[in-house]
C-alpha atoms as a PDB file:
ATOM      1  CA  MET A   1     191.365  88.714 291.811  1.00  0.00           C
ATOM      2  CA  LYS A   2     187.920  89.426 291.109  1.00  0.00           C
ATOM      3  CA  VAL A   3     185.962  91.491 293.768  1.00  0.00           C
ATOM      4  CA  THR A   4     182.473  91.333 294.945  1.00  0.00           C
ATOM      5  CA  LYS A   5     180.389  94.009 297.279  1.00  0.00           C
ATOM      6  CA  ASN A   6     180.158  91.227 299.836  1.00  0.00           C
ATOM      7  CA  SER A   7     183.512  90.908 299.991  1.00  0.00           C
ATOM      8  CA  VAL A   8     184.035  94.901 300.242  1.00  0.00           C
ATOM      9  CA  GLU A   9     181.319  95.361 302.722  1.00  0.00           C
ATOM     10  CA  LYS A  10     182.708  92.393 305.249  1.00  0.00           C
ATOM     11  CA  ILE A  11     186.143  94.480 305.262  1.00  0.00           C
ATOM     12  CA  LEU A  12     184.417  97.860 305.408  1.00  0.00           C
ATOM     13  CA  ILE A  13     182.536  96.755 308.638  1.00  0.00           C
ATOM     14  CA  LYS A  14     185.781  95.646 310.485  1.00  0.00           C
ATOM     15  CA  TRP A  15     187.627  99.133 309.282  1.00  0.00           C
ATOM     16  CA  GLN A  16     184.842 101.049 310.384  1.00  0.00           C
ATOM     17  CA  ASP A  17     185.266 100.138 313.612  1.00  0.00           C
ATOM     18  CA  ILE A  18     188.895 100.384 313.898  1.00  0.00           C
ATOM     19  CA  LEU A  19     189.062 103.798 312.045  1.00  0.00           C
ATOM     20  CA  ARG A  20     185.930 105.083 313.993  1.00  0.00           C
ATOM     21  CA  LEU A  21     183.912 105.952 311.192  1.00  0.00           C
ATOM     22  CA  ARG A  22     180.833 103.728 312.036  1.00  0.00           C
ATOM     23  CA  ASN A  23     178.920 107.150 312.114  1.00  0.00           C
ATOM     24  CA  TRP A  24     179.318 107.388 308.717  1.00  0.00           C
ATOM     25  CA  ASP A  25     177.033 106.104 305.738  1.00  0.00           C
ATOM     26  CA  ILE A  26     179.411 104.427 303.476  1.00  0.00           C
ATOM     27  CA  THR A  27     178.090 102.404 300.302  1.00  0.00           C
ATOM     28  CA  VAL A  28     180.162 100.225 297.928  1.00  0.00           C
ATOM     29  CA  ASP A  29     180.068 100.537 294.521  1.00  0.00           C
ATOM     30  CA  ILE A  30     181.857  98.196 291.988  1.00  0.00           C
ATOM     31  CA  ILE A  31     183.050  99.534 289.308  1.00  0.00           C
ATOM     32  CA  ARG A  32     182.821  97.142 285.965  1.00  0.00           C
ATOM     33  CA  LYS A  33     184.170  99.092 283.648  1.00  0.00           C
ATOM     34  CA  LYS A  34     188.051  99.577 282.529  1.00  0.00           C
ATOM     35  CA  TRP A  35     189.289 101.711 285.188  1.00  0.00           C
ATOM     36  CA  ARG A  36     192.789 102.735 285.770  1.00  0.00           C
ATOM     37  CA  LYS A  37     192.583 102.887 289.630  1.00  0.00           C
ATOM     38  CA  SER A  38     192.085 100.218 292.425  1.00  0.00           C
ATOM     39  CA  GLY A  39     189.759 102.194 294.028  1.00  0.00           C
ATOM     40  CA  ASP A  40     188.393 105.407 295.256  1.00  0.00           C
ATOM     41  CA  ILE A  41     186.249 107.611 297.436  1.00  0.00           C
ATOM     42  CA  LYS A  42     183.450 110.134 296.981  1.00  0.00           C
ATOM     43  CA  VAL A  43     182.781 112.105 300.288  1.00  0.00           C
ATOM     44  CA  ASP A  44     180.165 114.224 301.590  1.00  0.00           C
ATOM     45  CA  LEU A  45     181.612 115.625 304.625  1.00  0.00           C
ATOM     46  CA  GLU A  46     178.572 117.592 305.885  1.00  0.00           C
ATOM     47  CA  ASN A  47     176.461 114.414 305.989  1.00  0.00           C
ATOM     48  CA  LYS A  48     178.887 111.936 307.189  1.00  0.00           C
ATOM     49  CA  LYS A  49     178.009 110.179 303.646  1.00  0.00           C
ATOM     50  CA  ALA A  50     180.703 108.139 301.194  1.00  0.00           C
ATOM     51  CA  THR A  51     180.636 105.913 298.143  1.00  0.00           C
ATOM     52  CA  LEU A  52     183.572 103.364 298.095  1.00  0.00           C
ATOM     53  CA  LEU A  53     184.473 102.768 294.851  1.00  0.00           C
ATOM     54  CA  ILE A  54     186.097  99.867 293.811  1.00  0.00           C
ATOM     55  CA  ASN A  55     187.769  98.293 290.669  1.00  0.00           C
ATOM     56  CA  TYR A  56     186.428  94.628 289.717  1.00  0.00           C
ATOM     57  CA  ASN A  57     189.306  94.119 288.566  1.00  0.00           C
ATOM     58  CA  PRO A  58     191.799  95.967 290.365  1.00  0.00           C
ATOM     59  CA  ARG A  59     195.724  96.451 290.063  1.00  0.00           C
ATOM     60  CA  CYS A  60     196.431  96.112 293.787  1.00  0.00           C
ATOM     61  CA  LEU A  61     195.516  92.234 295.027  1.00  0.00           C
ATOM     62  CA  ASN A  62     195.173  93.108 298.738  1.00  0.00           C
ATOM     63  CA  LEU A  63     191.505  94.117 299.206  1.00  0.00           C
ATOM     64  CA  GLU A  64     191.829  95.230 302.533  1.00  0.00           C
ATOM     65  CA  GLU A  65     194.745  97.224 301.574  1.00  0.00           C
ATOM     66  CA  ILE A  66     192.542  98.954 299.135  1.00  0.00           C
ATOM     67  CA  VAL A  67     189.211  99.765 301.045  1.00  0.00           C
ATOM     68  CA  VAL A  68     191.643 100.910 304.571  1.00  0.00           C
ATOM     69  CA  HIS A  69     193.468 103.278 301.944  1.00  0.00           C
ATOM     70  CA  GLU A  70     190.265 104.717 300.901  1.00  0.00           C
ATOM     71  CA  LEU A  71     188.580 105.028 304.439  1.00  0.00           C
ATOM     72  CA  LEU A  72     191.813 106.819 305.570  1.00  0.00           C
ATOM     73  CA  HIS A  73     191.121 109.425 302.813  1.00  0.00           C
ATOM     74  CA  ILE A  74     187.587 110.252 304.743  1.00  0.00           C
ATOM     75  CA  LYS A  75     189.647 110.440 307.824  1.00  0.00           C
ATOM     76  CA  LEU A  76     192.033 112.950 306.280  1.00  0.00           C
ATOM     77  CA  TYR A  77     189.159 114.673 303.990  1.00  0.00           C
ATOM     78  CA  GLY A  78     188.650 117.848 306.023  1.00  0.00           C
ATOM     79  CA  LEU A  79     192.286 118.669 305.840  1.00  0.00           C
ATOM     80  CA  ASP A  80     192.521 117.872 302.339  1.00  0.00           C
ATOM     81  CA  GLN A  81     189.683 120.418 301.362  1.00  0.00           C
ATOM     82  CA  MET A  82     191.019 123.272 303.360  1.00  0.00           C
ATOM     83  CA  ILE A  83     194.621 122.454 301.694  1.00  0.00           C
ATOM     84  CA  GLU A  84     193.001 122.512 298.283  1.00  0.00           C
ATOM     85  CA  ASP A  85     190.972 126.008 299.434  1.00  0.00           C
ATOM     86  CA  LEU A  86     194.383 127.493 300.555  1.00  0.00           C
ATOM     87  CA  ILE A  87     195.754 126.350 296.915  1.00  0.00           C
ATOM     88  CA  SER A  88     192.948 128.048 295.333  1.00  0.00           C
ATOM     89  CA  ILE A  89     193.493 131.187 297.427  1.00  0.00           C
ATOM     90  CA  LEU A  90     196.971 131.445 296.793  1.00  0.00           C
ATOM     91  CA  TYR A  91     197.145 130.555 293.308  1.00  0.00           C
ATOM     92  CA  GLY A  92     193.598 131.067 292.027  1.00  0.00           C
ATOM     93  CA  LYS A  93     191.735 128.561 289.911  1.00  0.00           C
ATOM     94  CA  LYS A  94     193.241 128.962 286.595  1.00  0.00           C
ATOM     95  CA  LYS A  95     195.848 126.427 285.713  1.00  0.00           C
ATOM     96  CA  THR A  96     199.123 128.244 286.221  1.00  0.00           C
ATOM     97  CA  LYS A  97     202.372 126.669 286.629  1.00  0.00           C
ATOM     98  CA  LYS A  98     202.791 127.929 290.541  1.00  0.00           C
ATOM     99  CA  ARG A  99     199.255 126.347 290.662  1.00  0.00           C
ATOM    100  CA  GLN A 100     200.146 123.018 289.283  1.00  0.00           C
ATOM    101  CA  PHE A 101     203.354 122.728 291.237  1.00  0.00           C
ATOM    102  CA  ALA A 102     201.735 123.279 294.588  1.00  0.00           C
ATOM    103  CA  TRP A 103     198.657 121.046 293.385  1.00  0.00           C
ATOM    104  CA  ASN A 104     201.115 118.304 292.351  1.00  0.00           C
ATOM    105  CA  GLN A 105     202.982 118.535 295.819  1.00  0.00           C
ATOM    106  CA  PHE A 106     200.176 118.334 297.947  1.00  0.00           C
ATOM    107  CA  MET A 107     198.647 115.201 295.987  1.00  0.00           C
ATOM    108  CA  SER A 108     201.806 113.581 296.177  1.00  0.00           C
ATOM    109  CA  LEU A 109     202.328 113.990 300.225  1.00  0.00           C
ATOM    110  CA  LEU A 110     198.994 113.128 300.847  1.00  0.00           C
ATOM    111  CA  GLU A 111     199.116 109.844 298.730  1.00  0.00           C
ATOM    112  CA  THR A 112     202.381 108.863 299.854  1.00  0.00           C
ATOM    113  CA  THR A 113     200.942 109.639 303.974  1.00  0.00           C
ATOM    114  CA  VAL A 114     197.677 107.655 303.371  1.00  0.00           C
ATOM    115  CA  GLU A 115     199.872 104.553 301.788  1.00  0.00           C
ATOM    116  CA  ASP A 116     202.326 105.301 304.743  1.00  0.00           C
ATOM    117  CA  LEU A 117     199.213 105.090 307.535  1.00  0.00           C
ATOM    118  CA  THR A 118     197.354 102.158 305.490  1.00  0.00           C
ATOM    119  CA  LYS A 119     200.659 100.142 305.755  1.00  0.00           C
ATOM    120  CA  GLY A 120     201.073 100.760 309.437  1.00  0.00           C
ATOM    121  CA  TYR A 121     197.266 100.124 310.212  1.00  0.00           C
ATOM    122  CA  LEU A 122     197.515  96.742 308.457  1.00  0.00           C
ATOM    123  CA  ALA A 123     200.822  95.622 310.002  1.00  0.00           C
ATOM    124  CA  LYS A 124     199.523  96.290 313.597  1.00  0.00           C
ATOM    125  CA  ARG A 125     195.961  94.381 313.099  1.00  0.00           C
ATOM    126  CA  ASN A 126     197.431  91.303 311.355  1.00  0.00           C
END
């Protein structure tokens, strides 16, 4: 599957309404170099702006799933940042085994939660 900006934007518009992200300025950037991810999101919470990064040749073949997954990261971004700050307060910024353990546990839980929410939303909408 090859991805186009137009195909991503169509999905983005649909899901911005569903996820109540219409007040966000979200731009799309198609990554054309070799990249291990299918998608990513860069978030500016204060200004409600984000850049949706989508791999031109993603591993995941369901473009809608990729877009919804990344948009859900916007919905959870405030909590994400709060937990990252708490980990830094508790364990410092230096990479210790304890800090790395807490960080890995948090990131694993965050990703599995976003994946589950994505599947749930897609199952309900289709």
